[in-house]
Amino acid sequence: MSATPAAYAARRPVAALLFNAMIWGLTWWPMRALQARGMHPLWATAVIFALAVVAIGLWKPRAWRELATQPTLWLILLAAGTTNACFNWGITAGDVVRVVLLFYLMPLWTVVLARLVLHEPVTRAALLRVALALAGAVLVLWPADGEHLSQVQPIDLLGLAGGFSFALNNIMLRRESQRSEGGRGLAMFLGGCLVSLVLTQVLTVPALPPLSAGWLPGVLGLALVYLGSNLALQYGASRLPANVTSVIMLTEVLWAAGSALALGAGVLTPQLALGGALIVAGAALAALRP
């Protein structure tokens, strides 16, 4: 039997999130290509999202007024900005597989944030997911020489912070689903620009390279791709429960790990594989939730 229009409509948020996950799973490659041309990932993120802000501001000019008058959108701005800055910096400077796995402790944070923001109950199944994710995180972070966790690298913290802020971003998109897509989208893009720009000034990073044909086409192309993928994210995340969004976005791990291992941008040790399996299992269990 052919699918009904209602069935197609129900699949659209899922398809949107799958598209977003694919883009972010492969984004490490163009970000590293830009870094090889002298552009720090924070600068790349700031410029790319500035272009997206201009585009959505022209497309939805009323979004500026909505953003200025709705403080809840400011939290989306901060969460989305922190997510993009941490994730892009982490996958460019560190082991892609490791950073992505730590980023996908997101379902752990989702349990906590969904309780605080959406007032969802913390069930035994949720506690099991938290336990699996924590056990996986310990294995991923535990040094290979068997010492202690005080040797956690700064790049690891980028993965952790990015995952927490991404969970908060998804929770707030769900909570603020009554806001216009333009308002939510502008908040996300402006956050990606402003947070990265602030970090370039606070931290010691190389200056923005002069305008050149070496990096400008890549930045313009990524701006268009990110514009589409982030609109897809807010479309899907605002129409699905937070835990369902977390599970669908797990496909990013497959794209990121597969491409990174194939191109030599990551190393999969038995310890990392076991820790990653526990993290992914903890997230996948959310799919069993009624």
C-alpha atoms as a PDB file:
ATOM      1  CA  MET A   1       0.000   0.000   0.000  1.00  0.00           C
ATOM      2  CA  SER A   2       1.239   3.508  -0.786  1.00  0.00           C
ATOM      3  CA  ALA A   3       1.923   5.893   2.052  1.00  0.00           C
ATOM      4  CA  THR A   4      -0.782   8.443   2.846  1.00  0.00           C
ATOM      5  CA  PRO A   5      -0.101  12.210   2.888  1.00  0.00           C
ATOM      6  CA  ALA A   6      -0.310  12.054   6.678  1.00  0.00           C
ATOM      7  CA  ALA A   7       2.393   9.364   6.745  1.00  0.00           C
ATOM      8  CA  TYR A   8       4.660  11.464   4.554  1.00  0.00           C
ATOM      9  CA  ALA A   9       4.084  14.470   6.802  1.00  0.00           C
ATOM     10  CA  ALA A  10       4.988  12.397   9.876  1.00  0.00           C
ATOM     11  CA  ARG A  11       8.273  11.366   8.261  1.00  0.00           C
ATOM     12  CA  ARG A  12       9.394  14.876   7.399  1.00  0.00           C
ATOM     13  CA  PRO A  13      10.751  15.806  10.866  1.00  0.00           C
ATOM     14  CA  VAL A  14      12.697  12.520  10.944  1.00  0.00           C
ATOM     15  CA  ALA A  15      14.107  13.105   7.453  1.00  0.00           C
ATOM     16  CA  ALA A  16      15.077  16.651   8.430  1.00  0.00           C
ATOM     17  CA  LEU A  17      17.016  15.426  11.472  1.00  0.00           C
ATOM     18  CA  LEU A  18      18.725  12.685   9.451  1.00  0.00           C
ATOM     19  CA  PHE A  19      19.876  15.286   6.942  1.00  0.00           C
ATOM     20  CA  ASN A  20      21.199  17.502   9.732  1.00  0.00           C
ATOM     21  CA  ALA A  21      23.060  14.565  11.289  1.00  0.00           C
ATOM     22  CA  MET A  22      24.725  13.690   7.988  1.00  0.00           C
ATOM     23  CA  ILE A  23      25.927  17.262   7.460  1.00  0.00           C
ATOM     24  CA  TRP A  24      27.372  17.540  10.954  1.00  0.00           C
ATOM     25  CA  GLY A  25      28.886  14.075  10.763  1.00  0.00           C
ATOM     26  CA  LEU A  26      30.895  15.112   7.700  1.00  0.00           C
ATOM     27  CA  THR A  27      31.586  18.736   8.617  1.00  0.00           C
ATOM     28  CA  TRP A  28      35.014  17.977  10.129  1.00  0.00           C
ATOM     29  CA  TRP A  29      36.501  17.593   6.654  1.00  0.00           C
ATOM     30  CA  PRO A  30      35.719  21.088   5.254  1.00  0.00           C
ATOM     31  CA  MET A  31      36.555  22.666   8.618  1.00  0.00           C
ATOM     32  CA  ARG A  32      39.999  21.073   8.535  1.00  0.00           C
ATOM     33  CA  ALA A  33      40.412  22.149   4.922  1.00  0.00           C
ATOM     34  CA  LEU A  34      39.728  25.747   5.981  1.00  0.00           C
ATOM     35  CA  GLN A  35      42.195  25.441   8.863  1.00  0.00           C
ATOM     36  CA  ALA A  36      44.846  24.250   6.403  1.00  0.00           C
ATOM     37  CA  ARG A  37      44.283  27.554   4.569  1.00  0.00           C
ATOM     38  CA  GLY A  38      44.961  29.549   7.727  1.00  0.00           C
ATOM     39  CA  MET A  39      41.434  29.972   9.117  1.00  0.00           C
ATOM     40  CA  HIS A  40      40.935  28.952  12.748  1.00  0.00           C
ATOM     41  CA  PRO A  41      37.678  26.991  13.261  1.00  0.00           C
ATOM     42  CA  LEU A  42      36.302  29.713  15.540  1.00  0.00           C
ATOM     43  CA  TRP A  43      36.799  32.322  12.839  1.00  0.00           C
ATOM     44  CA  ALA A  44      35.349  29.967  10.244  1.00  0.00           C
ATOM     45  CA  THR A  45      32.270  29.403  12.411  1.00  0.00           C
ATOM     46  CA  ALA A  46      31.832  33.130  13.075  1.00  0.00           C
ATOM     47  CA  VAL A  47      32.072  34.087   9.392  1.00  0.00           C
ATOM     48  CA  ILE A  48      29.904  31.211   8.141  1.00  0.00           C
ATOM     49  CA  PHE A  49      27.136  31.965  10.602  1.00  0.00           C
ATOM     50  CA  ALA A  50      27.386  35.714   9.989  1.00  0.00           C
ATOM     51  CA  LEU A  51      26.570  35.015   6.338  1.00  0.00           C
ATOM     52  CA  ALA A  52      23.651  32.827   7.428  1.00  0.00           C
ATOM     53  CA  VAL A  53      22.399  35.615   9.727  1.00  0.00           C
ATOM     54  CA  VAL A  54      22.373  38.044   6.811  1.00  0.00           C
ATOM     55  CA  ALA A  55      20.471  35.542   4.673  1.00  0.00           C
ATOM     56  CA  ILE A  56      17.778  34.717   7.218  1.00  0.00           C
ATOM     57  CA  GLY A  57      17.526  38.360   8.330  1.00  0.00           C
ATOM     58  CA  LEU A  58      16.684  39.392   4.765  1.00  0.00           C
ATOM     59  CA  TRP A  59      14.343  36.443   4.312  1.00  0.00           C
ATOM     60  CA  LYS A  60      12.506  36.900   7.628  1.00  0.00           C
ATOM     61  CA  PRO A  61      13.003  40.538   8.692  1.00  0.00           C
ATOM     62  CA  ARG A  62      10.334  40.271  11.400  1.00  0.00           C
ATOM     63  CA  ALA A  63      12.516  37.700  13.159  1.00  0.00           C
ATOM     64  CA  TRP A  64      14.706  40.518  14.501  1.00  0.00           C
ATOM     65  CA  ARG A  65      11.799  42.010  16.452  1.00  0.00           C
ATOM     66  CA  GLU A  66      10.803  38.592  17.778  1.00  0.00           C
ATOM     67  CA  LEU A  67      14.351  37.847  18.891  1.00  0.00           C
ATOM     68  CA  ALA A  68      14.660  41.230  20.599  1.00  0.00           C
ATOM     69  CA  THR A  69      11.411  40.844  22.544  1.00  0.00           C
ATOM     70  CA  GLN A  70      11.513  37.152  23.522  1.00  0.00           C
ATOM     71  CA  PRO A  71      14.176  36.433  26.179  1.00  0.00           C
ATOM     72  CA  THR A  72      13.625  32.669  25.842  1.00  0.00           C
ATOM     73  CA  LEU A  73      15.096  32.879  22.342  1.00  0.00           C
ATOM     74  CA  TRP A  74      18.272  34.298  23.871  1.00  0.00           C
ATOM     75  CA  LEU A  75      18.844  30.982  25.600  1.00  0.00           C
ATOM     76  CA  ILE A  76      18.552  29.235  22.217  1.00  0.00           C
ATOM     77  CA  LEU A  77      21.070  31.796  20.899  1.00  0.00           C
ATOM     78  CA  LEU A  78      23.546  30.949  23.666  1.00  0.00           C
ATOM     79  CA  ALA A  79      23.001  27.183  23.464  1.00  0.00           C
ATOM     80  CA  ALA A  80      23.287  27.013  19.671  1.00  0.00           C
ATOM     81  CA  GLY A  81      26.311  29.279  19.649  1.00  0.00           C
ATOM     82  CA  THR A  82      28.139  27.233  22.271  1.00  0.00           C
ATOM     83  CA  THR A  83      27.262  24.011  20.431  1.00  0.00           C
ATOM     84  CA  ASN A  84      28.692  25.182  17.124  1.00  0.00           C
ATOM     85  CA  ALA A  85      31.810  26.787  18.569  1.00  0.00           C
ATOM     86  CA  CYS A  86      32.723  23.765  20.714  1.00  0.00           C
ATOM     87  CA  PHE A  87      31.877  21.145  18.106  1.00  0.00           C
ATOM     88  CA  ASN A  88      33.675  22.792  15.183  1.00  0.00           C
ATOM     89  CA  TRP A  89      36.756  23.546  17.254  1.00  0.00           C
ATOM     90  CA  GLY A  90      36.825  20.063  18.765  1.00  0.00           C
ATOM     91  CA  ILE A  91      36.545  18.088  15.517  1.00  0.00           C
ATOM     92  CA  THR A  92      39.132  20.301  13.851  1.00  0.00           C
ATOM     93  CA  ALA A  93      41.753  20.171  16.600  1.00  0.00           C
ATOM     94  CA  GLY A  94      41.186  16.714  18.102  1.00  0.00           C
ATOM     95  CA  ASP A  95      40.455  13.097  17.302  1.00  0.00           C
ATOM     96  CA  VAL A  96      37.141  13.215  15.443  1.00  0.00           C
ATOM     97  CA  VAL A  97      35.835   9.887  16.771  1.00  0.00           C
ATOM     98  CA  ARG A  98      36.620  10.721  20.393  1.00  0.00           C
ATOM     99  CA  VAL A  99      35.161  14.229  20.248  1.00  0.00           C
ATOM    100  CA  VAL A 100      31.958  13.046  18.551  1.00  0.00           C
ATOM    101  CA  LEU A 101      31.442  10.269  21.100  1.00  0.00           C
ATOM    102  CA  LEU A 102      31.799  12.709  23.997  1.00  0.00           C
ATOM    103  CA  PHE A 103      29.472  15.104  22.186  1.00  0.00           C
ATOM    104  CA  TYR A 104      26.893  12.323  22.097  1.00  0.00           C
ATOM    105  CA  LEU A 105      26.646  12.108  25.826  1.00  0.00           C
ATOM    106  CA  MET A 106      23.820  14.479  24.875  1.00  0.00           C
ATOM    107  CA  PRO A 107      21.062  11.997  25.910  1.00  0.00           C
ATOM    108  CA  LEU A 108      22.504  12.034  29.438  1.00  0.00           C
ATOM    109  CA  TRP A 109      22.083  15.808  29.607  1.00  0.00           C
ATOM    110  CA  THR A 110      18.683  15.506  27.922  1.00  0.00           C
ATOM    111  CA  VAL A 111      17.323  13.440  30.823  1.00  0.00           C
ATOM    112  CA  VAL A 112      18.298  16.177  33.281  1.00  0.00           C
ATOM    113  CA  LEU A 113      17.242  19.127  31.139  1.00  0.00           C
ATOM    114  CA  ALA A 114      13.959  17.535  30.049  1.00  0.00           C
ATOM    115  CA  ARG A 115      13.104  17.158  33.736  1.00  0.00           C
ATOM    116  CA  LEU A 116      14.016  20.764  34.597  1.00  0.00           C
ATOM    117  CA  VAL A 117      12.627  22.510  31.515  1.00  0.00           C
ATOM    118  CA  LEU A 118       9.875  20.250  30.153  1.00  0.00           C
ATOM    119  CA  HIS A 119       8.994  18.597  33.483  1.00  0.00           C
ATOM    120  CA  GLU A 120       9.307  15.130  31.987  1.00  0.00           C
ATOM    121  CA  PRO A 121       9.512  12.365  34.638  1.00  0.00           C
ATOM    122  CA  VAL A 122      12.822  10.617  35.370  1.00  0.00           C
ATOM    123  CA  THR A 123      12.021   6.933  34.964  1.00  0.00           C
ATOM    124  CA  ARG A 124      14.061   3.821  35.671  1.00  0.00           C
ATOM    125  CA  ALA A 125      14.727   3.536  31.957  1.00  0.00           C
ATOM    126  CA  ALA A 126      16.080   7.081  31.966  1.00  0.00           C
ATOM    127  CA  LEU A 127      18.382   6.261  34.887  1.00  0.00           C
ATOM    128  CA  LEU A 128      19.627   3.194  33.002  1.00  0.00           C
ATOM    129  CA  ARG A 129      20.472   5.400  30.007  1.00  0.00           C
ATOM    130  CA  VAL A 130      22.350   7.772  32.302  1.00  0.00           C
ATOM    131  CA  ALA A 131      24.311   4.887  33.837  1.00  0.00           C
ATOM    132  CA  LEU A 132      25.299   3.520  30.418  1.00  0.00           C
ATOM    133  CA  ALA A 133      26.328   6.958  29.181  1.00  0.00           C
ATOM    134  CA  LEU A 134      28.417   7.653  32.281  1.00  0.00           C
ATOM    135  CA  ALA A 135      30.148   4.277  32.066  1.00  0.00           C
ATOM    136  CA  GLY A 136      30.887   4.916  28.407  1.00  0.00           C
ATOM    137  CA  ALA A 137      32.260   8.372  29.183  1.00  0.00           C
ATOM    138  CA  VAL A 138      34.648   6.963  31.783  1.00  0.00           C
ATOM    139  CA  LEU A 139      36.000   4.473  29.242  1.00  0.00           C
ATOM    140  CA  VAL A 140      36.367   7.118  26.538  1.00  0.00           C
ATOM    141  CA  LEU A 141      38.098   9.571  28.869  1.00  0.00           C
ATOM    142  CA  TRP A 142      40.255   7.074  30.771  1.00  0.00           C
ATOM    143  CA  PRO A 143      43.909   7.503  29.728  1.00  0.00           C
ATOM    144  CA  ALA A 144      45.457   4.655  27.783  1.00  0.00           C
ATOM    145  CA  ASP A 145      48.251   4.340  30.361  1.00  0.00           C
ATOM    146  CA  GLY A 146      45.704   3.453  33.039  1.00  0.00           C
ATOM    147  CA  GLU A 147      46.281   6.523  35.190  1.00  0.00           C
ATOM    148  CA  HIS A 148      43.503   8.840  36.382  1.00  0.00           C
ATOM    149  CA  LEU A 149      40.934  11.140  34.834  1.00  0.00           C
ATOM    150  CA  SER A 150      42.827  14.310  35.813  1.00  0.00           C
ATOM    151  CA  GLN A 151      44.612  13.934  32.476  1.00  0.00           C
ATOM    152  CA  VAL A 152      41.456  14.795  30.511  1.00  0.00           C
ATOM    153  CA  GLN A 153      42.467  17.000  27.600  1.00  0.00           C
ATOM    154  CA  PRO A 154      40.939  20.436  26.808  1.00  0.00           C
ATOM    155  CA  ILE A 155      39.664  19.025  23.509  1.00  0.00           C
ATOM    156  CA  ASP A 156      37.627  16.496  25.520  1.00  0.00           C
ATOM    157  CA  LEU A 157      35.976  19.371  27.362  1.00  0.00           C
ATOM    158  CA  LEU A 158      34.918  20.850  24.026  1.00  0.00           C
ATOM    159  CA  GLY A 159      33.099  17.617  23.193  1.00  0.00           C
ATOM    160  CA  LEU A 160      31.398  17.527  26.587  1.00  0.00           C
ATOM    161  CA  ALA A 161      30.384  21.199  26.549  1.00  0.00           C
ATOM    162  CA  GLY A 162      29.144  20.920  22.979  1.00  0.00           C
ATOM    163  CA  GLY A 163      26.958  17.931  23.825  1.00  0.00           C
ATOM    164  CA  PHE A 164      25.445  19.645  26.862  1.00  0.00           C
ATOM    165  CA  SER A 165      24.655  22.817  24.947  1.00  0.00           C
ATOM    166  CA  PHE A 166      23.218  20.797  22.047  1.00  0.00           C
ATOM    167  CA  ALA A 167      20.874  18.995  24.448  1.00  0.00           C
ATOM    168  CA  LEU A 168      19.814  22.371  25.853  1.00  0.00           C
ATOM    169  CA  ASN A 169      19.311  23.685  22.321  1.00  0.00           C
ATOM    170  CA  ASN A 170      17.016  20.772  21.413  1.00  0.00           C
ATOM    171  CA  ILE A 171      15.061  21.077  24.654  1.00  0.00           C
ATOM    172  CA  MET A 172      14.498  24.789  24.096  1.00  0.00           C
ATOM    173  CA  LEU A 173      13.466  24.272  20.471  1.00  0.00           C
ATOM    174  CA  ARG A 174      10.840  21.844  21.726  1.00  0.00           C
ATOM    175  CA  ARG A 175       9.732  24.210  24.502  1.00  0.00           C
ATOM    176  CA  GLU A 176       9.557  27.212  22.179  1.00  0.00           C
ATOM    177  CA  SER A 177       7.889  25.409  19.275  1.00  0.00           C
ATOM    178  CA  GLN A 178       5.203  28.111  19.193  1.00  0.00           C
ATOM    179  CA  ARG A 179       7.787  30.692  18.117  1.00  0.00           C
ATOM    180  CA  SER A 180       8.202  31.370  14.417  1.00  0.00           C
ATOM    181  CA  GLU A 181      10.795  29.405  12.464  1.00  0.00           C
ATOM    182  CA  GLY A 182      12.410  32.701  11.521  1.00  0.00           C
ATOM    183  CA  GLY A 183      12.821  33.750  15.145  1.00  0.00           C
ATOM    184  CA  ARG A 184      14.246  30.433  16.251  1.00  0.00           C
ATOM    185  CA  GLY A 185      16.464  30.175  13.198  1.00  0.00           C
ATOM    186  CA  LEU A 186      17.843  33.687  13.627  1.00  0.00           C
ATOM    187  CA  ALA A 187      18.599  32.938  17.282  1.00  0.00           C
ATOM    188  CA  MET A 188      20.569  29.823  16.320  1.00  0.00           C
ATOM    189  CA  PHE A 189      22.562  31.468  13.526  1.00  0.00           C
ATOM    190  CA  LEU A 190      23.278  34.653  15.458  1.00  0.00           C
ATOM    191  CA  GLY A 191      24.417  32.541  18.396  1.00  0.00           C
ATOM    192  CA  GLY A 192      26.826  30.591  16.202  1.00  0.00           C
ATOM    193  CA  CYS A 193      28.309  33.879  15.019  1.00  0.00           C
ATOM    194  CA  LEU A 194      28.443  35.805  18.306  1.00  0.00           C
ATOM    195  CA  VAL A 195      29.730  33.070  20.624  1.00  0.00           C
ATOM    196  CA  SER A 196      32.521  32.133  18.209  1.00  0.00           C
ATOM    197  CA  LEU A 197      33.397  35.783  17.653  1.00  0.00           C
ATOM    198  CA  VAL A 198      33.589  36.458  21.389  1.00  0.00           C
ATOM    199  CA  LEU A 199      35.845  33.432  21.865  1.00  0.00           C
ATOM    200  CA  THR A 200      38.233  34.648  19.156  1.00  0.00           C
ATOM    201  CA  GLN A 201      38.686  37.833  21.192  1.00  0.00           C
ATOM    202  CA  VAL A 202      38.874  36.218  24.632  1.00  0.00           C
ATOM    203  CA  LEU A 203      41.199  33.370  23.663  1.00  0.00           C
ATOM    204  CA  THR A 204      44.537  33.467  21.907  1.00  0.00           C
ATOM    205  CA  VAL A 205      43.733  32.368  18.367  1.00  0.00           C
ATOM    206  CA  PRO A 206      45.363  33.371  15.073  1.00  0.00           C
ATOM    207  CA  ALA A 207      43.865  36.434  13.408  1.00  0.00           C
ATOM    208  CA  LEU A 208      41.344  36.167  10.589  1.00  0.00           C
ATOM    209  CA  PRO A 209      43.353  35.673   7.375  1.00  0.00           C
ATOM    210  CA  PRO A 210      43.036  38.251   4.571  1.00  0.00           C
ATOM    211  CA  LEU A 211      40.224  37.760   2.100  1.00  0.00           C
ATOM    212  CA  SER A 212      41.358  35.291  -0.549  1.00  0.00           C
ATOM    213  CA  ALA A 213      40.096  32.779  -3.080  1.00  0.00           C
ATOM    214  CA  GLY A 214      41.721  30.084  -0.954  1.00  0.00           C
ATOM    215  CA  TRP A 215      39.026  30.104   1.707  1.00  0.00           C
ATOM    216  CA  LEU A 216      36.164  32.338   0.524  1.00  0.00           C
ATOM    217  CA  PRO A 217      34.400  29.738  -1.731  1.00  0.00           C
ATOM    218  CA  GLY A 218      34.540  27.134   1.038  1.00  0.00           C
ATOM    219  CA  VAL A 219      33.063  29.543   3.580  1.00  0.00           C
ATOM    220  CA  LEU A 220      30.252  30.557   1.221  1.00  0.00           C
ATOM    221  CA  GLY A 221      29.456  26.925   0.447  1.00  0.00           C
ATOM    222  CA  LEU A 222      29.427  25.936   4.117  1.00  0.00           C
ATOM    223  CA  ALA A 223      27.186  28.893   4.949  1.00  0.00           C
ATOM    224  CA  LEU A 224      24.564  27.587   2.515  1.00  0.00           C
ATOM    225  CA  VAL A 225      24.905  24.014   3.793  1.00  0.00           C
ATOM    226  CA  TYR A 226      24.702  25.061   7.454  1.00  0.00           C
ATOM    227  CA  LEU A 227      21.713  27.252   6.706  1.00  0.00           C
ATOM    228  CA  GLY A 228      19.838  24.270   5.302  1.00  0.00           C
ATOM    229  CA  SER A 229      20.957  21.817   7.969  1.00  0.00           C
ATOM    230  CA  ASN A 230      20.171  24.043  10.930  1.00  0.00           C
ATOM    231  CA  LEU A 231      16.761  24.935   9.558  1.00  0.00           C
ATOM    232  CA  ALA A 232      16.225  21.182   9.221  1.00  0.00           C
ATOM    233  CA  LEU A 233      17.283  20.724  12.851  1.00  0.00           C
ATOM    234  CA  GLN A 234      14.873  23.278  14.239  1.00  0.00           C
ATOM    235  CA  TYR A 235      12.089  21.925  12.010  1.00  0.00           C
ATOM    236  CA  GLY A 236      12.581  18.370  13.276  1.00  0.00           C
ATOM    237  CA  ALA A 237      13.469  19.105  16.909  1.00  0.00           C
ATOM    238  CA  SER A 238      10.448  21.370  17.386  1.00  0.00           C
ATOM    239  CA  ARG A 239       8.074  18.612  16.192  1.00  0.00           C
ATOM    240  CA  LEU A 240       9.478  15.557  17.964  1.00  0.00           C
ATOM    241  CA  PRO A 241      10.052  14.680  21.643  1.00  0.00           C
ATOM    242  CA  ALA A 242      13.517  15.598  22.892  1.00  0.00           C
ATOM    243  CA  ASN A 243      14.620  12.005  23.441  1.00  0.00           C
ATOM    244  CA  VAL A 244      13.478  10.962  19.965  1.00  0.00           C
ATOM    245  CA  THR A 245      15.528  13.802  18.503  1.00  0.00           C
ATOM    246  CA  SER A 246      18.554  12.571  20.454  1.00  0.00           C
ATOM    247  CA  VAL A 247      18.218   9.060  19.044  1.00  0.00           C
ATOM    248  CA  ILE A 248      17.809  10.155  15.432  1.00  0.00           C
ATOM    249  CA  MET A 249      20.813  12.440  15.711  1.00  0.00           C
ATOM    250  CA  LEU A 250      22.918   9.428  16.723  1.00  0.00           C
ATOM    251  CA  THR A 251      23.328   8.694  13.024  1.00  0.00           C
ATOM    252  CA  GLU A 252      25.864  11.518  13.079  1.00  0.00           C
ATOM    253  CA  VAL A 253      28.190   9.165  14.958  1.00  0.00           C
ATOM    254  CA  LEU A 254      28.111   6.753  12.018  1.00  0.00           C
ATOM    255  CA  TRP A 255      28.889   9.481   9.480  1.00  0.00           C
ATOM    256  CA  ALA A 256      31.615  11.052  11.600  1.00  0.00           C
ATOM    257  CA  ALA A 257      33.315   7.874  12.793  1.00  0.00           C
ATOM    258  CA  GLY A 258      33.125   6.134   9.423  1.00  0.00           C
ATOM    259  CA  SER A 259      34.499   9.060   7.441  1.00  0.00           C
ATOM    260  CA  ALA A 260      37.163   9.919  10.035  1.00  0.00           C
ATOM    261  CA  LEU A 261      38.452   6.351  10.262  1.00  0.00           C
ATOM    262  CA  ALA A 262      38.458   6.007   6.479  1.00  0.00           C
ATOM    263  CA  LEU A 263      40.444   9.235   6.023  1.00  0.00           C
ATOM    264  CA  GLY A 264      42.780   8.855   9.006  1.00  0.00           C
ATOM    265  CA  ALA A 265      41.301  11.601  11.189  1.00  0.00           C
ATOM    266  CA  GLY A 266      40.524   9.290  14.099  1.00  0.00           C
ATOM    267  CA  VAL A 267      41.698   6.131  15.850  1.00  0.00           C
ATOM    268  CA  LEU A 268      39.349   3.439  17.178  1.00  0.00           C
ATOM    269  CA  THR A 269      40.934   1.496  20.051  1.00  0.00           C
ATOM    270  CA  PRO A 270      39.125  -1.380  21.822  1.00  0.00           C
ATOM    271  CA  GLN A 271      38.657   0.828  24.893  1.00  0.00           C
ATOM    272  CA  LEU A 272      37.218   3.656  22.823  1.00  0.00           C
ATOM    273  CA  ALA A 273      34.990   1.250  20.912  1.00  0.00           C
ATOM    274  CA  LEU A 274      33.560  -0.204  24.134  1.00  0.00           C
ATOM    275  CA  GLY A 275      32.998   3.233  25.642  1.00  0.00           C
ATOM    276  CA  GLY A 276      31.390   4.439  22.453  1.00  0.00           C
ATOM    277  CA  ALA A 277      29.128   1.384  22.341  1.00  0.00           C
ATOM    278  CA  LEU A 278      27.886   2.133  25.870  1.00  0.00           C
ATOM    279  CA  ILE A 279      27.232   5.791  25.004  1.00  0.00           C
ATOM    280  CA  VAL A 280      25.358   4.862  21.853  1.00  0.00           C
ATOM    281  CA  ALA A 281      23.410   2.147  23.687  1.00  0.00           C
ATOM    282  CA  GLY A 282      22.349   4.609  26.353  1.00  0.00           C
ATOM    283  CA  ALA A 283      21.063   6.983  23.696  1.00  0.00           C
ATOM    284  CA  ALA A 284      19.418   4.269  21.621  1.00  0.00           C
ATOM    285  CA  LEU A 285      17.401   3.067  24.616  1.00  0.00           C
ATOM    286  CA  ALA A 286      15.512   6.344  24.454  1.00  0.00           C
ATOM    287  CA  ALA A 287      13.859   5.000  21.303  1.00  0.00           C
ATOM    288  CA  LEU A 288      12.057   2.422  23.452  1.00  0.00           C
ATOM    289  CA  ARG A 289      10.305   5.159  25.357  1.00  0.00           C
ATOM    290  CA  PRO A 290       6.545   5.197  24.621  1.00  0.00           C
END
